[in-house]
Amino acid sequence: MTGGPDTTPTHAPNAGALARLDALWRELGDVPTREDQEGALVLDAGFQLFDPGTPVEDIWHWFEAQHAGFKVAEKLGCAE
């Protein structure tokens, strides 16, 4: 029994992990957002581990950091 943190890289290609991220992405689409005082789009309600007021762009970066195959630009329909 090893007893330490899981050291599996989160960037490892894994279809199951990508499917879970896709499901979370769809859930994120149902979370209300608003513009903050600086004009940034932020959550108006909590989402998973993110509190209300979290910039949506931070969440996009989190998604991409979880899996090398997850591309926010593709999800938003933007060409790279």
Protein backbone atom coordinates (compact mmCIF):
# COMPACT_ATOMS: atom_id res chain seq x y z
CA MET A 1 0.00 0.00 0.00
CA THR A 2 1.56 3.28 -1.02
CA GLY A 3 -0.28 5.98 0.80
CA GLY A 4 0.67 9.21 -1.01
CA PRO A 5 -1.11 11.45 -3.42
CA ASP A 6 -1.99 10.13 -6.85
CA THR A 7 0.83 11.19 -9.15
CA THR A 8 -0.95 10.35 -12.39
CA PRO A 9 -0.42 13.30 -14.74
CA THR A 10 -3.65 15.17 -15.34
CA HIS A 11 -2.49 15.92 -18.88
CA ALA A 12 -2.40 12.24 -19.87
CA PRO A 13 -4.70 11.51 -22.81
CA ASN A 14 -7.68 9.58 -21.45
CA ALA A 15 -11.01 9.34 -23.24
CA GLY A 16 -12.92 8.86 -19.99
CA ALA A 17 -11.40 11.98 -18.47
CA LEU A 18 -12.17 13.97 -21.60
CA ALA A 19 -15.78 12.77 -21.56
CA ARG A 20 -16.10 13.89 -17.92
CA LEU A 21 -14.71 17.31 -18.82
CA ASP A 22 -17.15 17.56 -21.72
CA ALA A 23 -20.01 16.85 -19.31
CA LEU A 24 -18.73 19.50 -16.89
CA TRP A 25 -18.42 21.96 -19.78
CA ARG A 26 -22.09 21.42 -20.62
CA GLU A 27 -22.97 22.00 -16.95
CA LEU A 28 -20.95 25.22 -16.95
CA GLY A 29 -23.16 26.46 -19.78
CA ASP A 30 -26.13 26.43 -17.38
CA VAL A 31 -24.41 28.52 -14.70
CA PRO A 32 -25.49 32.18 -14.65
CA THR A 33 -22.80 34.77 -15.30
CA ARG A 34 -22.52 38.54 -15.09
CA GLU A 35 -19.99 41.26 -15.80
CA ASP A 36 -17.98 42.47 -12.83
CA GLN A 37 -16.97 46.11 -12.26
CA GLU A 38 -14.01 45.75 -14.64
CA GLY A 39 -16.17 44.20 -17.36
CA ALA A 40 -14.90 40.64 -16.94
CA LEU A 41 -17.40 37.80 -17.20
CA VAL A 42 -17.69 36.08 -13.80
CA LEU A 43 -19.83 33.37 -12.27
CA ASP A 44 -23.02 34.61 -10.65
CA ALA A 45 -23.42 31.26 -8.85
CA GLY A 46 -20.98 28.61 -7.70
CA PHE A 47 -19.86 25.85 -10.06
CA GLN A 48 -18.07 22.73 -8.81
CA LEU A 49 -15.01 24.02 -6.89
CA PHE A 50 -15.41 27.61 -8.16
CA ASP A 51 -17.12 30.29 -6.08
CA PRO A 52 -19.46 33.00 -7.36
CA GLY A 53 -17.38 35.87 -8.71
CA THR A 54 -14.74 33.60 -10.27
CA PRO A 55 -13.72 34.90 -13.70
CA VAL A 56 -14.98 32.58 -16.42
CA GLU A 57 -11.62 32.84 -18.15
CA ASP A 58 -9.97 31.28 -15.06
CA ILE A 59 -12.36 28.34 -15.36
CA TRP A 60 -11.51 27.98 -19.04
CA HIS A 61 -7.82 27.74 -18.11
CA TRP A 62 -8.68 25.14 -15.47
CA PHE A 63 -10.47 23.00 -18.06
CA GLU A 64 -7.51 23.11 -20.42
CA ALA A 65 -5.08 22.29 -17.60
CA GLN A 66 -7.01 19.11 -16.81
CA HIS A 67 -6.51 17.43 -20.20
CA ALA A 68 -4.25 18.20 -23.16
CA GLY A 69 -7.08 17.32 -25.55
CA PHE A 70 -9.56 19.82 -24.10
CA LYS A 71 -9.52 23.05 -26.12
CA VAL A 72 -11.80 25.88 -25.00
CA ALA A 73 -11.46 27.60 -28.39
CA GLU A 74 -12.95 24.50 -30.04
CA LYS A 75 -15.78 24.40 -27.50
CA LEU A 76 -16.55 28.05 -28.23
CA GLY A 77 -16.46 27.45 -31.98
CA CYS A 78 -13.37 29.58 -32.54
CA ALA A 79 -10.80 28.62 -35.16
CA GLU A 80 -7.20 28.57 -34.03
